[in-house]
């Protein structure tokens, strides 16, 4: 029965591996405050959801002769932000948390976070205004 210790070792390895998988990213060496990290990640998730919704609105609202390239730019941004939201939600679940996708949660996002979003949106609006100016010089009202 020389094979018995090897089989026992494999069984032990499999058992330990299953236990580790159940813990996900939260290993015994994980030093961060998991609840605080999940809270911050959910705030970031809310931010990304706001970005997606805003870019989608601009995408659907783009009008005029040069609307197609502008709308395409908004759609690209919306898709990028959706990817970010998905990545954050995945990380939250890896940490044994629950992604907060409830729209009500968007209202509790901190003021500072919303100010950062607005600043970034203003930057994007300026970029798009420059794009429109290049496409249609003198078209500014």
N, C-alpha and C. Protein backbone atom coordinates (compact mmCIF):
# COMPACT_ATOMS: atom_id res chain seq x y z
N UNK A 1 0.82 -1.19 0.00
CA UNK A 1 0.00 0.00 0.00
C UNK A 1 0.87 1.25 0.00
N UNK A 2 1.90 1.24 -0.80
CA UNK A 2 2.78 2.41 -0.90
C UNK A 2 2.07 3.60 -1.54
N UNK A 3 1.05 3.34 -2.33
CA UNK A 3 0.34 4.42 -3.02
C UNK A 3 -0.59 5.20 -2.10
N UNK A 4 -0.94 4.64 -0.98
CA UNK A 4 -1.89 5.28 -0.07
C UNK A 4 -1.46 6.68 0.38
N UNK A 5 -0.19 6.91 0.81
CA UNK A 5 0.19 8.27 1.21
C UNK A 5 0.03 9.27 0.07
N UNK A 6 0.37 8.86 -1.15
CA UNK A 6 0.24 9.76 -2.29
C UNK A 6 -1.23 10.12 -2.51
N UNK A 7 -2.11 9.13 -2.48
CA UNK A 7 -3.53 9.39 -2.65
C UNK A 7 -4.06 10.29 -1.54
N UNK A 8 -3.63 10.07 -0.34
CA UNK A 8 -4.04 10.91 0.78
C UNK A 8 -3.57 12.34 0.55
N UNK A 9 -2.33 12.49 0.08
CA UNK A 9 -1.82 13.83 -0.19
C UNK A 9 -2.64 14.52 -1.27
N UNK A 10 -2.99 13.81 -2.33
CA UNK A 10 -3.81 14.40 -3.40
C UNK A 10 -5.17 14.81 -2.85
N UNK A 11 -5.76 13.94 -2.05
CA UNK A 11 -7.06 14.27 -1.45
C UNK A 11 -6.96 15.50 -0.55
N UNK A 12 -5.88 15.57 0.21
CA UNK A 12 -5.67 16.72 1.08
C UNK A 12 -5.48 17.99 0.26
N UNK A 13 -4.70 17.89 -0.81
CA UNK A 13 -4.47 19.04 -1.69
C UNK A 13 -5.78 19.51 -2.30
N UNK A 14 -6.60 18.58 -2.77
CA UNK A 14 -7.89 18.94 -3.37
C UNK A 14 -8.81 19.60 -2.34
N UNK A 15 -8.84 19.04 -1.14
CA UNK A 15 -9.68 19.60 -0.07
C UNK A 15 -9.25 21.04 0.23
N UNK A 16 -7.94 21.24 0.37
CA UNK A 16 -7.42 22.59 0.67
C UNK A 16 -7.71 23.56 -0.48
N UNK A 17 -7.56 23.05 -1.71
CA UNK A 17 -7.83 23.89 -2.89
C UNK A 17 -9.29 24.33 -2.90
N UNK A 18 -10.22 23.39 -2.60
CA UNK A 18 -11.64 23.74 -2.55
C UNK A 18 -11.90 24.79 -1.48
N UNK A 19 -11.26 24.65 -0.34
CA UNK A 19 -11.44 25.62 0.74
C UNK A 19 -10.96 27.00 0.30
N UNK A 20 -9.83 27.04 -0.37
CA UNK A 20 -9.29 28.31 -0.84
C UNK A 20 -10.19 28.95 -1.89
N UNK A 21 -10.73 28.13 -2.79
CA UNK A 21 -11.63 28.65 -3.83
C UNK A 21 -12.86 29.26 -3.18
N UNK A 22 -13.37 28.65 -2.14
CA UNK A 22 -14.54 29.17 -1.45
C UNK A 22 -14.27 30.54 -0.84
N UNK A 23 -13.03 30.79 -0.47
CA UNK A 23 -12.67 32.08 0.12
C UNK A 23 -12.45 33.14 -0.95
N UNK A 24 -12.31 32.73 -2.21
CA UNK A 24 -12.08 33.68 -3.29
C UNK A 24 -10.79 34.46 -3.07
N UNK A 25 -10.88 35.76 -3.26
CA UNK A 25 -9.69 36.61 -3.14
C UNK A 25 -9.34 36.91 -1.69
N UNK A 26 -10.19 36.51 -0.77
CA UNK A 26 -9.97 36.80 0.64
C UNK A 26 -9.20 35.64 1.26
N UNK A 27 -7.91 35.70 1.11
CA UNK A 27 -7.04 34.67 1.66
C UNK A 27 -6.61 35.06 3.07
N UNK A 28 -6.02 34.13 3.82
CA UNK A 28 -5.56 34.48 5.16
C UNK A 28 -4.55 35.65 5.16
N UNK A 29 -3.84 35.84 4.05
CA UNK A 29 -2.87 36.92 3.97
C UNK A 29 -3.47 38.27 3.57
N UNK A 30 -4.77 38.31 3.26
CA UNK A 30 -5.43 39.55 2.85
C UNK A 30 -5.48 40.50 4.04
N UNK A 31 -4.84 41.64 3.93
CA UNK A 31 -4.69 42.54 5.07
C UNK A 31 -5.67 43.71 5.09
N UNK A 32 -6.31 43.99 3.96
CA UNK A 32 -7.20 45.15 3.89
C UNK A 32 -8.50 44.90 4.66
N UNK A 33 -9.15 45.99 5.04
CA UNK A 33 -10.47 45.92 5.66
C UNK A 33 -11.46 45.65 4.53
N UNK A 34 -11.87 44.40 4.41
CA UNK A 34 -12.70 43.96 3.29
C UNK A 34 -13.98 44.79 3.17
N UNK A 35 -14.64 45.07 4.27
CA UNK A 35 -15.88 45.85 4.22
C UNK A 35 -15.64 47.26 3.72
N UNK A 36 -14.54 47.87 4.15
CA UNK A 36 -14.21 49.22 3.67
C UNK A 36 -13.89 49.20 2.19
N UNK A 37 -13.16 48.20 1.75
CA UNK A 37 -12.81 48.08 0.33
C UNK A 37 -14.09 47.90 -0.50
N UNK A 38 -14.98 47.04 -0.04
CA UNK A 38 -16.23 46.81 -0.77
C UNK A 38 -17.06 48.09 -0.83
N UNK A 39 -17.09 48.85 0.26
CA UNK A 39 -17.83 50.12 0.27
C UNK A 39 -17.25 51.08 -0.77
N UNK A 40 -15.93 51.20 -0.80
CA UNK A 40 -15.29 52.08 -1.78
C UNK A 40 -15.52 51.59 -3.21
N UNK A 41 -15.45 50.29 -3.38
CA UNK A 41 -15.69 49.75 -4.72
C UNK A 41 -17.13 49.98 -5.16
N UNK A 42 -18.09 49.87 -4.25
CA UNK A 42 -19.48 50.15 -4.61
C UNK A 42 -19.67 51.62 -4.95
N UNK A 43 -18.95 52.51 -4.30
CA UNK A 43 -19.01 53.94 -4.66
C UNK A 43 -18.43 54.15 -6.05
N UNK A 44 -17.33 53.47 -6.35
CA UNK A 44 -16.73 53.57 -7.69
C UNK A 44 -17.68 52.97 -8.73
N UNK A 45 -18.35 51.89 -8.36
CA UNK A 45 -19.33 51.28 -9.26
C UNK A 45 -20.46 52.26 -9.58
N UNK A 46 -20.95 52.95 -8.57
CA UNK A 46 -22.00 53.95 -8.79
C UNK A 46 -21.53 55.03 -9.75
N UNK A 47 -20.28 55.44 -9.60
CA UNK A 47 -19.70 56.46 -10.48
C UNK A 47 -19.69 55.97 -11.92
N UNK A 48 -19.23 54.74 -12.11
CA UNK A 48 -19.16 54.19 -13.46
C UNK A 48 -20.55 54.06 -14.08
N UNK A 49 -21.54 53.69 -13.28
CA UNK A 49 -22.90 53.58 -13.78
C UNK A 49 -23.41 54.95 -14.24
N UNK A 50 -23.10 55.99 -13.47
CA UNK A 50 -23.47 57.35 -13.87
C UNK A 50 -22.81 57.71 -15.19
N UNK A 51 -21.53 57.38 -15.34
CA UNK A 51 -20.83 57.64 -16.61
C UNK A 51 -21.53 56.94 -17.76
N UNK A 52 -21.84 55.67 -17.59
CA UNK A 52 -22.50 54.91 -18.66
C UNK A 52 -23.80 55.58 -19.06
N UNK A 53 -24.61 55.93 -18.07
CA UNK A 53 -25.91 56.53 -18.36
C UNK A 53 -25.77 57.88 -19.06
N UNK A 54 -24.83 58.67 -18.62
CA UNK A 54 -24.63 59.97 -19.24
C UNK A 54 -24.17 59.85 -20.68
N UNK A 55 -23.18 59.00 -20.91
CA UNK A 55 -22.68 58.82 -22.27
C UNK A 55 -23.74 58.23 -23.18
N UNK A 56 -24.55 57.31 -22.65
CA UNK A 56 -25.63 56.74 -23.45
C UNK A 56 -26.64 57.82 -23.83
N UNK A 57 -26.95 58.70 -22.88
CA UNK A 57 -27.89 59.78 -23.18
C UNK A 57 -27.34 60.65 -24.31
N UNK A 58 -26.08 61.05 -24.19
CA UNK A 58 -25.47 61.89 -25.23
C UNK A 58 -25.42 61.16 -26.56
N UNK A 59 -25.16 59.85 -26.52
CA UNK A 59 -25.13 59.04 -27.73
C UNK A 59 -26.49 59.10 -28.44
N UNK A 60 -27.55 58.90 -27.68
CA UNK A 60 -28.88 58.89 -28.28
C UNK A 60 -29.35 60.29 -28.68
N UNK A 61 -28.82 61.32 -28.03
CA UNK A 61 -29.27 62.68 -28.30
C UNK A 61 -28.46 63.40 -29.37
N UNK A 62 -27.39 62.81 -29.83
CA UNK A 62 -26.55 63.48 -30.84
C UNK A 62 -27.37 63.72 -32.11
N UNK A 63 -27.32 64.96 -32.57
CA UNK A 63 -28.07 65.33 -33.77
C UNK A 63 -27.19 66.18 -34.67
N UNK A 64 -27.67 66.42 -35.85
CA UNK A 64 -26.97 67.30 -36.78
C UNK A 64 -26.21 66.53 -37.83
N UNK A 65 -25.65 67.27 -38.73
CA UNK A 65 -24.98 66.67 -39.88
C UNK A 65 -23.76 65.83 -39.49
N UNK A 66 -23.12 66.20 -38.42
CA UNK A 66 -21.93 65.47 -37.96
C UNK A 66 -22.21 64.63 -36.72
N UNK A 67 -23.46 64.30 -36.51
CA UNK A 67 -23.83 63.56 -35.30
C UNK A 67 -23.23 62.16 -35.26
N UNK A 68 -23.05 61.54 -36.40
CA UNK A 68 -22.59 60.15 -36.40
C UNK A 68 -21.23 59.96 -35.73
N UNK A 69 -20.18 60.74 -36.09
CA UNK A 69 -18.90 60.52 -35.40
C UNK A 69 -18.94 60.94 -33.93
N UNK A 70 -19.74 61.95 -33.61
CA UNK A 70 -19.87 62.38 -32.22
C UNK A 70 -20.59 61.31 -31.42
N UNK A 71 -21.69 60.79 -31.97
CA UNK A 71 -22.42 59.72 -31.29
C UNK A 71 -21.52 58.50 -31.10
N UNK A 72 -20.74 58.17 -32.12
CA UNK A 72 -19.83 57.02 -32.02
C UNK A 72 -18.83 57.22 -30.88
N UNK A 73 -18.36 58.43 -30.71
CA UNK A 73 -17.42 58.73 -29.62
C UNK A 73 -18.10 58.54 -28.26
N UNK A 74 -19.34 59.02 -28.14
CA UNK A 74 -20.08 58.82 -26.89
C UNK A 74 -20.33 57.34 -26.61
N UNK A 75 -20.66 56.60 -27.64
CA UNK A 75 -20.90 55.17 -27.47
C UNK A 75 -19.63 54.45 -27.03
N UNK A 76 -18.51 54.84 -27.61
CA UNK A 76 -17.23 54.24 -27.21
C UNK A 76 -16.95 54.51 -25.73
N UNK A 77 -17.20 55.75 -25.30
CA UNK A 77 -17.00 56.08 -23.89
C UNK A 77 -17.95 55.28 -23.00
N UNK A 78 -19.21 55.17 -23.42
CA UNK A 78 -20.20 54.41 -22.64
C UNK A 78 -19.76 52.96 -22.49
N UNK A 79 -19.28 52.38 -23.57
CA UNK A 79 -18.84 50.98 -23.52
C UNK A 79 -17.61 50.81 -22.63
N UNK A 80 -16.70 51.76 -22.69
CA UNK A 80 -15.52 51.72 -21.80
C UNK A 80 -15.95 51.78 -20.34
N UNK A 81 -16.86 52.69 -20.05
CA UNK A 81 -17.31 52.83 -18.66
C UNK A 81 -18.08 51.60 -18.20
N UNK A 82 -18.83 50.97 -19.11
CA UNK A 82 -19.53 49.73 -18.75
C UNK A 82 -18.53 48.63 -18.41
N UNK A 83 -17.45 48.57 -19.17
CA UNK A 83 -16.39 47.60 -18.88
C UNK A 83 -15.81 47.86 -17.50
N UNK A 84 -15.58 49.12 -17.18
CA UNK A 84 -15.07 49.46 -15.85
C UNK A 84 -16.05 49.01 -14.76
N UNK A 85 -17.34 49.29 -14.97
CA UNK A 85 -18.36 48.89 -14.00
C UNK A 85 -18.35 47.38 -13.81
N UNK A 86 -18.26 46.65 -14.91
CA UNK A 86 -18.24 45.19 -14.83
C UNK A 86 -17.01 44.69 -14.07
N UNK A 87 -15.87 45.31 -14.31
CA UNK A 87 -14.65 44.91 -13.61
C UNK A 87 -14.76 45.17 -12.11
N UNK A 88 -15.32 46.31 -11.76
CA UNK A 88 -15.49 46.64 -10.34
C UNK A 88 -16.47 45.67 -9.68
N UNK A 89 -17.59 45.40 -10.35
CA UNK A 89 -18.58 44.46 -9.80
C UNK A 89 -17.97 43.08 -9.61
N UNK A 90 -17.14 42.66 -10.56
CA UNK A 90 -16.47 41.37 -10.44
C UNK A 90 -15.55 41.36 -9.23
N UNK A 91 -14.81 42.43 -9.03
CA UNK A 91 -13.90 42.49 -7.88
C UNK A 91 -14.68 42.45 -6.57
N UNK A 92 -15.80 43.13 -6.52
CA UNK A 92 -16.62 43.12 -5.31
C UNK A 92 -17.04 41.69 -4.98
N UNK A 93 -17.48 40.95 -5.98
CA UNK A 93 -17.91 39.57 -5.72
C UNK A 93 -16.72 38.69 -5.37
N UNK A 94 -15.55 38.98 -5.92
CA UNK A 94 -14.35 38.22 -5.55
C UNK A 94 -14.03 38.40 -4.07
N UNK A 95 -14.38 39.56 -3.55
CA UNK A 95 -14.14 39.85 -2.13
C UNK A 95 -15.32 39.42 -1.25
N UNK A 96 -16.18 38.58 -1.82
CA UNK A 96 -17.36 38.07 -1.12
C UNK A 96 -18.34 39.18 -0.75
N UNK A 97 -18.37 40.22 -1.56
CA UNK A 97 -19.32 41.30 -1.35
C UNK A 97 -20.43 41.24 -2.39
N UNK A 98 -21.33 42.19 -2.32
CA UNK A 98 -22.45 42.27 -3.25
C UNK A 98 -22.40 43.60 -3.98
N UNK A 99 -22.27 43.59 -5.31
CA UNK A 99 -22.29 44.85 -6.06
C UNK A 99 -23.65 45.53 -5.89
N UNK A 100 -23.63 46.81 -5.59
CA UNK A 100 -24.86 47.57 -5.41
C UNK A 100 -25.25 48.16 -6.77
N UNK A 101 -26.19 47.50 -7.45
CA UNK A 101 -26.65 47.98 -8.75
C UNK A 101 -28.02 48.64 -8.64
N UNK A 102 -28.46 48.90 -7.43
CA UNK A 102 -29.74 49.55 -7.20
C UNK A 102 -29.59 51.03 -7.55
N UNK A 103 -30.42 51.56 -8.46
CA UNK A 103 -30.31 52.98 -8.82
C UNK A 103 -30.41 53.91 -7.61
N UNK A 104 -31.11 53.50 -6.57
CA UNK A 104 -31.20 54.32 -5.36
C UNK A 104 -29.82 54.60 -4.79
N UNK A 105 -28.90 53.64 -4.93
CA UNK A 105 -27.54 53.81 -4.43
C UNK A 105 -26.80 54.95 -5.11
N UNK A 106 -27.21 55.28 -6.33
CA UNK A 106 -26.57 56.38 -7.04
C UNK A 106 -26.80 57.70 -6.32
N UNK A 107 -27.94 57.81 -5.64
CA UNK A 107 -28.27 59.05 -4.95
C UNK A 107 -27.45 59.26 -3.68
N UNK A 108 -26.87 58.17 -3.15
CA UNK A 108 -26.11 58.29 -1.91
C UNK A 108 -24.62 58.45 -2.17
N UNK A 109 -24.25 58.52 -3.41
CA UNK A 109 -22.83 58.75 -3.77
C UNK A 109 -22.38 60.07 -3.18
N UNK A 110 -21.19 60.12 -2.68
CA UNK A 110 -20.72 61.32 -1.99
C UNK A 110 -20.64 62.54 -2.91
N UNK A 111 -20.76 63.71 -2.32
CA UNK A 111 -20.71 64.96 -3.07
C UNK A 111 -19.37 65.09 -3.81
N UNK A 112 -18.30 64.76 -3.13
CA UNK A 112 -16.96 64.86 -3.73
C UNK A 112 -16.88 64.01 -4.98
N UNK A 113 -17.42 62.82 -4.89
CA UNK A 113 -17.41 61.90 -6.03
C UNK A 113 -18.21 62.48 -7.19
N UNK A 114 -19.36 63.06 -6.90
CA UNK A 114 -20.18 63.66 -7.94
C UNK A 114 -19.48 64.87 -8.56
N UNK A 115 -18.77 65.63 -7.75
CA UNK A 115 -18.03 66.77 -8.28
C UNK A 115 -16.93 66.30 -9.22
N UNK A 116 -16.29 65.19 -8.89
CA UNK A 116 -15.26 64.63 -9.77
C UNK A 116 -15.88 64.17 -11.08
N UNK A 117 -17.04 63.56 -10.99
CA UNK A 117 -17.74 63.12 -12.21
C UNK A 117 -18.07 64.32 -13.08
N UNK A 118 -18.62 65.36 -12.47
CA UNK A 118 -18.99 66.55 -13.22
C UNK A 118 -17.77 67.18 -13.88
N UNK A 119 -16.66 67.25 -13.18
CA UNK A 119 -15.44 67.82 -13.75
C UNK A 119 -15.00 67.02 -14.97
N UNK A 120 -15.06 65.71 -14.88
CA UNK A 120 -14.67 64.85 -16.01
C UNK A 120 -15.64 65.03 -17.17
N UNK A 121 -16.92 65.14 -16.85
CA UNK A 121 -17.93 65.35 -17.89
C UNK A 121 -17.71 66.69 -18.61
N UNK A 122 -17.36 67.71 -17.85
CA UNK A 122 -17.09 69.01 -18.47
C UNK A 122 -15.88 68.94 -19.38
N UNK A 123 -14.89 68.16 -18.97
CA UNK A 123 -13.71 67.96 -19.81
C UNK A 123 -14.10 67.26 -21.11
N UNK A 124 -14.95 66.25 -21.00
CA UNK A 124 -15.39 65.54 -22.20
C UNK A 124 -16.23 66.44 -23.09
N UNK A 125 -17.08 67.25 -22.49
CA UNK A 125 -17.91 68.18 -23.27
C UNK A 125 -17.02 69.16 -24.05
N UNK A 126 -15.96 69.64 -23.42
CA UNK A 126 -15.03 70.54 -24.10
C UNK A 126 -14.34 69.83 -25.26
N UNK A 127 -13.95 68.58 -25.04
CA UNK A 127 -13.33 67.79 -26.12
C UNK A 127 -14.28 67.65 -27.31
N UNK A 128 -15.52 67.36 -27.00
CA UNK A 128 -16.49 67.18 -28.08
C UNK A 128 -16.83 68.50 -28.76
N UNK A 129 -16.85 69.59 -28.02
CA UNK A 129 -17.07 70.91 -28.63
C UNK A 129 -15.94 71.23 -29.61
N UNK A 130 -14.70 70.89 -29.22
CA UNK A 130 -13.56 71.09 -30.13
C UNK A 130 -13.71 70.22 -31.38
N UNK A 131 -14.19 69.00 -31.20
CA UNK A 131 -14.40 68.10 -32.33
C UNK A 131 -15.44 68.69 -33.28
N UNK A 132 -16.53 69.18 -32.73
CA UNK A 132 -17.56 69.79 -33.57
C UNK A 132 -17.02 71.03 -34.30
N UNK A 133 -16.23 71.82 -33.62
CA UNK A 133 -15.63 73.02 -34.22
C UNK A 133 -14.72 72.63 -35.39
N UNK A 134 -14.00 71.54 -35.24
CA UNK A 134 -13.13 71.07 -36.34
C UNK A 134 -13.95 70.55 -37.50
N UNK A 135 -15.07 69.91 -37.21
CA UNK A 135 -15.92 69.37 -38.26
C UNK A 135 -16.72 70.46 -38.97
N UNK A 136 -17.09 71.49 -38.22
CA UNK A 136 -17.96 72.53 -38.74
C UNK A 136 -17.49 73.88 -38.24
N UNK A 137 -16.35 74.41 -38.76
CA UNK A 137 -15.80 75.70 -38.28
C UNK A 137 -16.86 76.82 -38.38
N UNK A 138 -16.89 77.63 -37.34
CA UNK A 138 -17.80 78.76 -37.30
C UNK A 138 -19.22 78.39 -36.92
N UNK A 139 -19.44 77.15 -36.53
CA UNK A 139 -20.81 76.70 -36.21
C UNK A 139 -21.20 77.00 -34.77
N UNK A 140 -20.26 77.50 -33.97
CA UNK A 140 -20.60 77.82 -32.58
C UNK A 140 -21.62 78.93 -32.56
N UNK A 141 -22.56 78.81 -31.60
CA UNK A 141 -23.64 79.78 -31.51
C UNK A 141 -23.19 80.96 -30.80
